[in-house]
PDB file of all heavy atoms in Angstrom:
ATOM      1  N   VAL A   1      41.764 -83.800 -30.849  1.00  0.00           N
ATOM      2  CA  VAL A   1      42.426 -83.852 -32.164  1.00  0.00           C
ATOM      3  C   VAL A   1      43.528 -84.906 -32.152  1.00  0.00           C
ATOM      4  O   VAL A   1      43.726 -85.599 -33.190  1.00  0.00           O
ATOM      5  CB  VAL A   1      42.915 -82.473 -32.544  1.00  0.00           C
ATOM      6  CG1 VAL A   1      43.822 -82.480 -33.873  1.00  0.00           C
ATOM      7  CG2 VAL A   1      41.832 -81.428 -32.699  1.00  0.00           C
ATOM      8  N   GLY A   2      44.221 -85.095 -31.147  1.00  0.00           N
ATOM      9  CA  GLY A   2      45.272 -85.953 -30.953  1.00  0.00           C
ATOM     10  C   GLY A   2      44.935 -87.476 -31.198  1.00  0.00           C
ATOM     11  O   GLY A   2      45.675 -88.167 -31.739  1.00  0.00           O
ATOM     12  N   GLN A   3      43.707 -87.770 -30.911  1.00  0.00           N
ATOM     13  CA  GLN A   3      43.152 -89.086 -31.191  1.00  0.00           C
ATOM     14  C   GLN A   3      43.252 -89.404 -32.751  1.00  0.00           C
ATOM     15  O   GLN A   3      43.542 -90.502 -33.177  1.00  0.00           O
ATOM     16  CB  GLN A   3      41.708 -89.314 -30.571  1.00  0.00           C
ATOM     17  CG  GLN A   3      41.636 -89.345 -29.174  1.00  0.00           C
ATOM     18  CD  GLN A   3      40.216 -89.274 -28.792  1.00  0.00           C
ATOM     19  OE1 GLN A   3      39.557 -90.374 -28.817  1.00  0.00           O
ATOM     20  NE2 GLN A   3      39.817 -88.124 -28.144  1.00  0.00           N
ATOM     21  N   VAL A   4      42.764 -88.451 -33.493  1.00  0.00           N
ATOM     22  CA  VAL A   4      42.783 -88.538 -34.931  1.00  0.00           C
ATOM     23  C   VAL A   4      44.177 -88.639 -35.453  1.00  0.00           C
ATOM     24  O   VAL A   4      44.471 -89.314 -36.409  1.00  0.00           O
ATOM     25  CB  VAL A   4      41.832 -87.488 -35.643  1.00  0.00           C
ATOM     26  CG1 VAL A   4      41.752 -87.644 -37.136  1.00  0.00           C
ATOM     27  CG2 VAL A   4      40.543 -87.355 -34.915  1.00  0.00           C
ATOM     28  N   TRP A   5      45.019 -87.659 -35.050  1.00  0.00           N
ATOM     29  CA  TRP A   5      46.397 -87.640 -35.484  1.00  0.00           C
ATOM     30  C   TRP A   5      47.126 -88.859 -35.306  1.00  0.00           C
ATOM     31  O   TRP A   5      47.714 -89.264 -36.069  1.00  0.00           O
ATOM     32  CB  TRP A   5      46.961 -86.358 -34.796  1.00  0.00           C
ATOM     33  CG  TRP A   5      48.224 -85.817 -35.548  1.00  0.00           C
ATOM     34  CD1 TRP A   5      48.099 -84.655 -36.414  1.00  0.00           C
ATOM     35  CD2 TRP A   5      49.525 -86.131 -35.642  1.00  0.00           C
ATOM     36  NE1 TRP A   5      49.284 -84.408 -37.001  1.00  0.00           N
ATOM     37  CE2 TRP A   5      50.276 -85.298 -36.512  1.00  0.00           C
ATOM     38  CE3 TRP A   5      50.260 -87.161 -35.084  1.00  0.00           C
ATOM     39  CZ2 TRP A   5      51.600 -85.317 -36.743  1.00  0.00           C
ATOM     40  CZ3 TRP A   5      51.590 -87.348 -35.359  1.00  0.00           C
ATOM     41  CH2 TRP A   5      52.252 -86.445 -36.095  1.00  0.00           C
ATOM     42  N   LEU A   6      46.871 -89.442 -34.017  1.00  0.00           N
ATOM     43  CA  LEU A   6      47.576 -90.730 -33.688  1.00  0.00           C
ATOM     44  C   LEU A   6      47.111 -91.841 -34.643  1.00  0.00           C
ATOM     45  O   LEU A   6      47.843 -92.628 -35.140  1.00  0.00           O
ATOM     46  CB  LEU A   6      47.272 -91.046 -32.229  1.00  0.00           C
ATOM     47  CG  LEU A   6      47.726 -92.375 -31.645  1.00  0.00           C
ATOM     48  CD1 LEU A   6      48.262 -92.161 -30.203  1.00  0.00           C
ATOM     49  CD2 LEU A   6      46.824 -93.520 -31.847  1.00  0.00           C
ATOM     50  N   ALA A   7      45.689 -91.893 -34.760  1.00  0.00           N
ATOM     51  CA  ALA A   7      45.199 -92.940 -35.623  1.00  0.00           C
ATOM     52  C   ALA A   7      45.714 -92.878 -37.080  1.00  0.00           C
ATOM     53  O   ALA A   7      46.027 -93.831 -37.617  1.00  0.00           O
ATOM     54  CB  ALA A   7      43.686 -92.944 -35.508  1.00  0.00           C
ATOM     55  N   ASN A   8      45.790 -91.696 -37.668  1.00  0.00           N
ATOM     56  CA  ASN A   8      46.220 -91.440 -38.940  1.00  0.00           C
ATOM     57  C   ASN A   8      47.799 -91.939 -38.975  1.00  0.00           C
ATOM     58  O   ASN A   8      48.217 -92.526 -40.006  1.00  0.00           O
ATOM     59  CB  ASN A   8      46.244 -89.944 -39.422  1.00  0.00           C
ATOM     60  CG  ASN A   8      45.014 -89.591 -40.086  1.00  0.00           C
ATOM     61  OD1 ASN A   8      44.567 -90.455 -40.877  1.00  0.00           O
ATOM     62  ND2 ASN A   8      44.325 -88.507 -39.772  1.00  0.00           N
ATOM     63  N   ASP A   9      48.518 -91.660 -37.929  1.00  0.00           N
ATOM     64  CA  ASP A   9      49.928 -92.056 -37.866  1.00  0.00           C
ATOM     65  C   ASP A   9      50.084 -93.507 -37.746  1.00  0.00           C
ATOM     66  O   ASP A   9      50.930 -94.092 -38.429  1.00  0.00           O
ATOM     67  CB  ASP A   9      50.560 -91.333 -36.658  1.00  0.00           C
ATOM     68  CG  ASP A   9      51.991 -91.586 -36.646  1.00  0.00           C
ATOM     69  OD1 ASP A   9      52.785 -91.216 -37.481  1.00  0.00           O
ATOM     70  OD2 ASP A   9      52.492 -92.249 -35.575  1.00  0.00           O
ATOM     71  N   ARG A  10      49.229 -94.209 -37.010  1.00  0.00           N
ATOM     72  CA  ARG A  10      49.292 -95.647 -36.887  1.00  0.00           C
ATOM     73  C   ARG A  10      48.732 -96.349 -38.205  1.00  0.00           C
ATOM     74  O   ARG A  10      49.407 -97.358 -38.566  1.00  0.00           O
ATOM     75  CB  ARG A  10      48.414 -96.078 -35.688  1.00  0.00           C
ATOM     76  CG  ARG A  10      48.813 -95.557 -34.344  1.00  0.00           C
ATOM     77  CD  ARG A  10      50.129 -96.248 -33.915  1.00  0.00           C
ATOM     78  NE  ARG A  10      49.965 -97.693 -33.569  1.00  0.00           N
ATOM     79  CZ  ARG A  10      50.914 -98.516 -33.178  1.00  0.00           C
ATOM     80  NH1 ARG A  10      52.118 -98.003 -32.934  1.00  0.00           N
ATOM     81  NH2 ARG A  10      50.680 -99.717 -32.731  1.00  0.00           N
ATOM     82  N   LEU A  11      47.829 -95.862 -38.801  1.00  0.00           N
ATOM     83  CA  LEU A  11      47.268 -96.558 -39.871  1.00  0.00           C
ATOM     84  C   LEU A  11      47.853 -96.241 -41.273  1.00  0.00           C
ATOM     85  O   LEU A  11      47.797 -97.047 -42.175  1.00  0.00           O
ATOM     86  CB  LEU A  11      45.626 -96.156 -40.028  1.00  0.00           C
ATOM     87  CG  LEU A  11      44.757 -96.563 -38.875  1.00  0.00           C
ATOM     88  CD1 LEU A  11      43.399 -95.942 -38.949  1.00  0.00           C
ATOM     89  CD2 LEU A  11      44.607 -98.067 -38.812  1.00  0.00           C
ATOM     90  N   GLY A  12      48.488 -95.012 -41.308  1.00  0.00           N
ATOM     91  CA  GLY A  12      49.045 -94.691 -42.618  1.00  0.00           C
ATOM     92  C   GLY A  12      48.188 -94.384 -43.752  1.00  0.00           C
ATOM     93  O   GLY A  12      46.897 -94.280 -43.546  1.00  0.00           O
ATOM     94  N   VAL A  13      48.631 -94.566 -44.939  1.00  0.00           N
ATOM     95  CA  VAL A  13      47.851 -94.275 -46.072  1.00  0.00           C
ATOM     96  C   VAL A  13      47.988 -95.542 -47.091  1.00  0.00           C
ATOM     97  O   VAL A  13      49.008 -96.226 -46.930  1.00  0.00           O
ATOM     98  CB  VAL A  13      48.164 -93.001 -46.799  1.00  0.00           C
ATOM     99  CG1 VAL A  13      47.912 -91.755 -46.074  1.00  0.00           C
ATOM    100  CG2 VAL A  13      49.632 -93.083 -47.322  1.00  0.00           C
ATOM    101  N   ALA A  14      47.032 -95.754 -47.952  1.00  0.00           N
ATOM    102  CA  ALA A  14      47.111 -96.894 -48.907  1.00  0.00           C
ATOM    103  C   ALA A  14      48.133 -96.456 -49.983  1.00  0.00           C
ATOM    104  O   ALA A  14      48.684 -95.362 -49.957  1.00  0.00           O
ATOM    105  CB  ALA A  14      45.697 -97.134 -49.522  1.00  0.00           C
ATOM    106  N   ALA A  15      48.516 -97.576 -50.693  1.00  0.00           N
ATOM    107  CA  ALA A  15      49.476 -97.425 -51.765  1.00  0.00           C
ATOM    108  C   ALA A  15      49.076 -96.374 -52.792  1.00  0.00           C
ATOM    109  O   ALA A  15      50.026 -95.581 -53.342  1.00  0.00           O
ATOM    110  CB  ALA A  15      49.698 -98.761 -52.400  1.00  0.00           C
ATOM    111  N   ASP A  16      47.749 -96.138 -52.960  1.00  0.00           N
ATOM    112  CA  ASP A  16      47.319 -95.182 -54.012  1.00  0.00           C
ATOM    113  C   ASP A  16      47.250 -93.713 -53.233  1.00  0.00           C
ATOM    114  O   ASP A  16      46.801 -92.724 -53.885  1.00  0.00           O
ATOM    115  CB  ASP A  16      46.062 -95.515 -54.617  1.00  0.00           C
ATOM    116  CG  ASP A  16      44.895 -95.662 -53.483  1.00  0.00           C
ATOM    117  OD1 ASP A  16      45.117 -95.443 -52.322  1.00  0.00           O
ATOM    118  OD2 ASP A  16      43.701 -95.852 -53.976  1.00  0.00           O
ATOM    119  N   GLY A  17      47.705 -93.643 -52.074  1.00  0.00           N
ATOM    120  CA  GLY A  17      47.683 -92.284 -51.398  1.00  0.00           C
ATOM    121  C   GLY A  17      46.388 -92.004 -50.622  1.00  0.00           C
ATOM    122  O   GLY A  17      46.216 -91.008 -49.987  1.00  0.00           O
ATOM    123  N   ALA A  18      45.293 -92.869 -50.780  1.00  0.00           N
ATOM    124  CA  ALA A  18      44.081 -92.710 -50.056  1.00  0.00           C
ATOM    125  C   ALA A  18      44.236 -92.849 -48.571  1.00  0.00           C
ATOM    126  O   ALA A  18      45.009 -93.733 -48.114  1.00  0.00           O
ATOM    127  CB  ALA A  18      43.095 -93.698 -50.625  1.00  0.00           C
ATOM    128  N   ARG A  19      43.602 -92.048 -47.831  1.00  0.00           N
ATOM    129  CA  ARG A  19      43.723 -91.946 -46.340  1.00  0.00           C
ATOM    130  C   ARG A  19      42.818 -93.076 -45.786  1.00  0.00           C
ATOM    131  O   ARG A  19      41.823 -93.362 -46.303  1.00  0.00           O
ATOM    132  CB  ARG A  19      43.468 -90.660 -45.706  1.00  0.00           C
ATOM    133  CG  ARG A  19      42.105 -90.090 -46.180  1.00  0.00           C
ATOM    134  CD  ARG A  19      42.058 -88.607 -45.658  1.00  0.00           C
ATOM    135  NE  ARG A  19      40.821 -87.927 -46.108  1.00  0.00           N
ATOM    136  CZ  ARG A  19      40.557 -86.550 -45.963  1.00  0.00           C
ATOM    137  NH1 ARG A  19      41.533 -85.863 -45.494  1.00  0.00           N
ATOM    138  NH2 ARG A  19      39.553 -86.140 -46.472  1.00  0.00           N
ATOM    139  N   ALA A  20      43.266 -93.574 -44.653  1.00  0.00           N
ATOM    140  CA  ALA A  20      42.611 -94.659 -44.036  1.00  0.00           C
ATOM    141  C   ALA A  20      41.286 -94.181 -43.434  1.00  0.00           C
ATOM    142  O   ALA A  20      40.147 -94.885 -43.433  1.00  0.00           O
ATOM    143  CB  ALA A  20      43.438 -95.456 -43.053  1.00  0.00           C
ATOM    144  N   ILE A  21      41.386 -92.927 -42.771  1.00  0.00           N
ATOM    145  CA  ILE A  21      40.243 -92.422 -42.047  1.00  0.00           C
ATOM    146  C   ILE A  21      39.473 -91.362 -42.950  1.00  0.00           C
ATOM    147  O   ILE A  21      40.035 -90.371 -43.376  1.00  0.00           O
ATOM    148  CB  ILE A  21      40.728 -91.710 -40.811  1.00  0.00           C
ATOM    149  CG1 ILE A  21      41.451 -92.634 -39.861  1.00  0.00           C
ATOM    150  CG2 ILE A  21      39.443 -91.074 -40.200  1.00  0.00           C
ATOM    151  CD1 ILE A  21      42.164 -91.984 -38.728  1.00  0.00           C
ATOM    152  N   THR A  22      38.231 -91.744 -43.374  1.00  0.00           N
ATOM    153  CA  THR A  22      37.444 -90.894 -44.170  1.00  0.00           C
ATOM    154  C   THR A  22      36.356 -90.256 -43.409  1.00  0.00           C
ATOM    155  O   THR A  22      35.758 -89.369 -43.877  1.00  0.00           O
ATOM    156  CB  THR A  22      36.811 -91.730 -45.294  1.00  0.00           C
ATOM    157  OG1 THR A  22      35.943 -92.765 -44.718  1.00  0.00           O
ATOM    158  CG2 THR A  22      37.875 -92.427 -46.204  1.00  0.00           C
ATOM    159  N   ASN A  23      35.998 -90.843 -42.252  1.00  0.00           N
ATOM    160  CA  ASN A  23      34.952 -90.244 -41.434  1.00  0.00           C
ATOM    161  C   ASN A  23      35.340 -90.267 -40.027  1.00  0.00           C
ATOM    162  O   ASN A  23      36.082 -91.121 -39.491  1.00  0.00           O
ATOM    163  CB  ASN A  23      33.654 -91.227 -41.605  1.00  0.00           C
ATOM    164  CG  ASN A  23      32.999 -91.184 -42.971  1.00  0.00           C
ATOM    165  OD1 ASN A  23      33.621 -91.678 -43.921  1.00  0.00           O
ATOM    166  ND2 ASN A  23      31.907 -90.630 -43.101  1.00  0.00           N
ATOM    167  N   ILE A  24      34.774 -89.121 -39.258  1.00  0.00           N
ATOM    168  CA  ILE A  24      35.082 -89.067 -37.809  1.00  0.00           C
ATOM    169  C   ILE A  24      33.780 -88.962 -37.236  1.00  0.00           C
ATOM    170  O   ILE A  24      32.860 -88.168 -37.535  1.00  0.00           O
ATOM    171  CB  ILE A  24      35.959 -87.941 -37.507  1.00  0.00           C
ATOM    172  CG1 ILE A  24      37.365 -87.996 -38.158  1.00  0.00           C
ATOM    173  CG2 ILE A  24      36.029 -87.684 -35.946  1.00  0.00           C
ATOM    174  CD1 ILE A  24      38.086 -86.722 -37.982  1.00  0.00           C
ATOM    175  N   VAL A  25      33.571 -89.744 -36.026  1.00  0.00           N
ATOM    176  CA  VAL A  25      32.176 -89.699 -35.356  1.00  0.00           C
ATOM    177  C   VAL A  25      32.633 -89.529 -33.938  1.00  0.00           C
ATOM    178  O   VAL A  25      33.508 -90.135 -33.381  1.00  0.00           O
ATOM    179  CB  VAL A  25      31.506 -90.925 -35.463  1.00  0.00           C
ATOM    180  CG1 VAL A  25      30.885 -91.088 -37.039  1.00  0.00           C
ATOM    181  CG2 VAL A  25      32.043 -92.203 -35.172  1.00  0.00           C
ATOM    182  N   LEU A  26      32.047 -88.488 -33.414  1.00  0.00           N
ATOM    183  CA  LEU A  26      32.153 -88.120 -31.922  1.00  0.00           C
ATOM    184  C   LEU A  26      31.150 -89.033 -31.143  1.00  0.00           C
ATOM    185  O   LEU A  26      30.077 -88.479 -30.682  1.00  0.00           O
ATOM    186  CB  LEU A  26      32.076 -86.718 -31.513  1.00  0.00           C
ATOM    187  CG  LEU A  26      33.297 -85.869 -31.970  1.00  0.00           C
ATOM    188  CD1 LEU A  26      33.005 -85.083 -33.322  1.00  0.00           C
ATOM    189  CD2 LEU A  26      33.681 -84.897 -30.758  1.00  0.00           C
ATOM    190  N   MET A  27      31.437 -90.317 -31.008  1.00  0.00           N
ATOM    191  CA  MET A  27      30.492 -91.258 -30.455  1.00  0.00           C
ATOM    192  C   MET A  27      31.188 -92.168 -29.409  1.00  0.00           C
ATOM    193  O   MET A  27      30.663 -93.191 -28.955  1.00  0.00           O
ATOM    194  CB  MET A  27      29.780 -92.180 -31.621  1.00  0.00           C
ATOM    195  CG  MET A  27      28.958 -91.473 -32.573  1.00  0.00           C
ATOM    196  SD  MET A  27      28.236 -92.693 -33.684  1.00  0.00           S
ATOM    197  CE  MET A  27      27.263 -91.536 -34.797  1.00  0.00           C
TER     198      MET A  27
END
């Protein structure tokens, strides 16, 4: 879970509030 939390923290959100991460793949 921490990988996703970190990536969200690093990438932030767009000006319109849309999140950068829309899909997660365990690959």
